[in-house]
C-alpha atoms as a PDB file:
ATOM      1  CA  UNK A   1      -3.028  38.045 -50.441  1.00  0.00           C
ATOM      2  CA  UNK A   2      -0.460  37.448 -47.703  1.00  0.00           C
ATOM      3  CA  UNK A   3      -1.614  40.632 -45.939  1.00  0.00           C
ATOM      4  CA  UNK A   4      -5.100  39.177 -45.721  1.00  0.00           C
ATOM      5  CA  UNK A   5      -3.753  35.958 -44.220  1.00  0.00           C
ATOM      6  CA  UNK A   6      -1.744  37.867 -41.607  1.00  0.00           C
ATOM      7  CA  UNK A   7      -4.837  39.804 -40.587  1.00  0.00           C
ATOM      8  CA  UNK A   8      -6.890  36.648 -40.346  1.00  0.00           C
ATOM      9  CA  UNK A   9      -4.235  34.656 -38.503  1.00  0.00           C
ATOM     10  CA  UNK A  10      -1.620  36.912 -36.899  1.00  0.00           C
ATOM     11  CA  UNK A  11      -0.503  34.158 -34.509  1.00  0.00           C
ATOM     12  CA  UNK A  12       1.288  32.166 -37.200  1.00  0.00           C
ATOM     13  CA  UNK A  13       4.428  34.296 -37.035  1.00  0.00           C
ATOM     14  CA  UNK A  14       4.244  34.560 -33.249  1.00  0.00           C
ATOM     15  CA  UNK A  15       4.232  30.793 -32.737  1.00  0.00           C
ATOM     16  CA  UNK A  16       7.284  30.405 -34.923  1.00  0.00           C
ATOM     17  CA  UNK A  17       9.023  33.295 -33.183  1.00  0.00           C
ATOM     18  CA  UNK A  18       8.303  32.189 -29.614  1.00  0.00           C
ATOM     19  CA  UNK A  19       9.384  28.652 -30.400  1.00  0.00           C
ATOM     20  CA  UNK A  20      12.910  29.870 -31.096  1.00  0.00           C
ATOM     21  CA  UNK A  21      12.966  33.021 -28.974  1.00  0.00           C
ATOM     22  CA  UNK A  22      12.606  31.248 -25.640  1.00  0.00           C
ATOM     23  CA  UNK A  23      15.674  29.021 -26.065  1.00  0.00           C
ATOM     24  CA  UNK A  24      17.594  32.002 -27.443  1.00  0.00           C
ATOM     25  CA  UNK A  25      16.775  34.076 -24.371  1.00  0.00           C
ATOM     26  CA  UNK A  26      17.679  31.157 -22.104  1.00  0.00           C
ATOM     27  CA  UNK A  27      20.998  30.710 -23.921  1.00  0.00           C
ATOM     28  CA  UNK A  28      21.770  34.424 -23.706  1.00  0.00           C
ATOM     29  CA  UNK A  29      21.019  34.432 -19.966  1.00  0.00           C
ATOM     30  CA  UNK A  30      23.223  31.369 -19.439  1.00  0.00           C
ATOM     31  CA  UNK A  31      26.108  33.008 -21.268  1.00  0.00           C
ATOM     32  CA  UNK A  32      25.626  36.207 -19.261  1.00  0.00           C
ATOM     33  CA  UNK A  33      25.644  34.332 -15.942  1.00  0.00           C
ATOM     34  CA  UNK A  34      28.747  32.410 -17.009  1.00  0.00           C
ATOM     35  CA  UNK A  35      30.510  35.656 -17.966  1.00  0.00           C
ATOM     36  CA  UNK A  36      29.627  37.246 -14.614  1.00  0.00           C
ATOM     37  CA  UNK A  37      30.825  34.116 -12.825  1.00  0.00           C
ATOM     38  CA  UNK A  38      34.126  34.201 -14.731  1.00  0.00           C
ATOM     39  CA  UNK A  39      34.664  37.877 -13.952  1.00  0.00           C
ATOM     40  CA  UNK A  40      33.861  37.466 -10.233  1.00  0.00           C
ATOM     41  CA  UNK A  41      35.734  34.207  -9.734  1.00  0.00           C
ATOM     42  CA  UNK A  42      39.177  35.707  -8.866  1.00  0.00           C
ATOM     43  CA  UNK A  43      37.721  38.055  -6.256  1.00  0.00           C
ATOM     44  CA  UNK A  44      35.521  35.377  -4.718  1.00  0.00           C
ATOM     45  CA  UNK A  45      38.283  32.795  -4.633  1.00  0.00           C
ATOM     46  CA  UNK A  46      40.618  35.302  -2.959  1.00  0.00           C
ATOM     47  CA  UNK A  47      37.988  36.038  -0.303  1.00  0.00           C
ATOM     48  CA  UNK A  48      37.607  32.310   0.304  1.00  0.00           C
ATOM     49  CA  UNK A  49      41.369  31.902   0.700  1.00  0.00           C
ATOM     50  CA  UNK A  50      41.457  34.845   3.112  1.00  0.00           C
ATOM     51  CA  UNK A  51      38.685  33.267   5.211  1.00  0.00           C
ATOM     52  CA  UNK A  52      40.457  29.916   5.337  1.00  0.00           C
ATOM     53  CA  UNK A  53      43.775  31.521   6.264  1.00  0.00           C
ATOM     54  CA  UNK A  54      42.227  33.594   9.070  1.00  0.00           C
END
């Protein structure tokens, strides 16, 4: 019976999935940007200090 319902209304699972997938993707992207920022911070701060000292 559930197979019949999925065929008739396949969007039911998609609406539940997209409701939680979008914030999950946004969170993952935020964490990735923060990790890149943390890894680049020493090099960027050293370049800034070199520019100020020059």
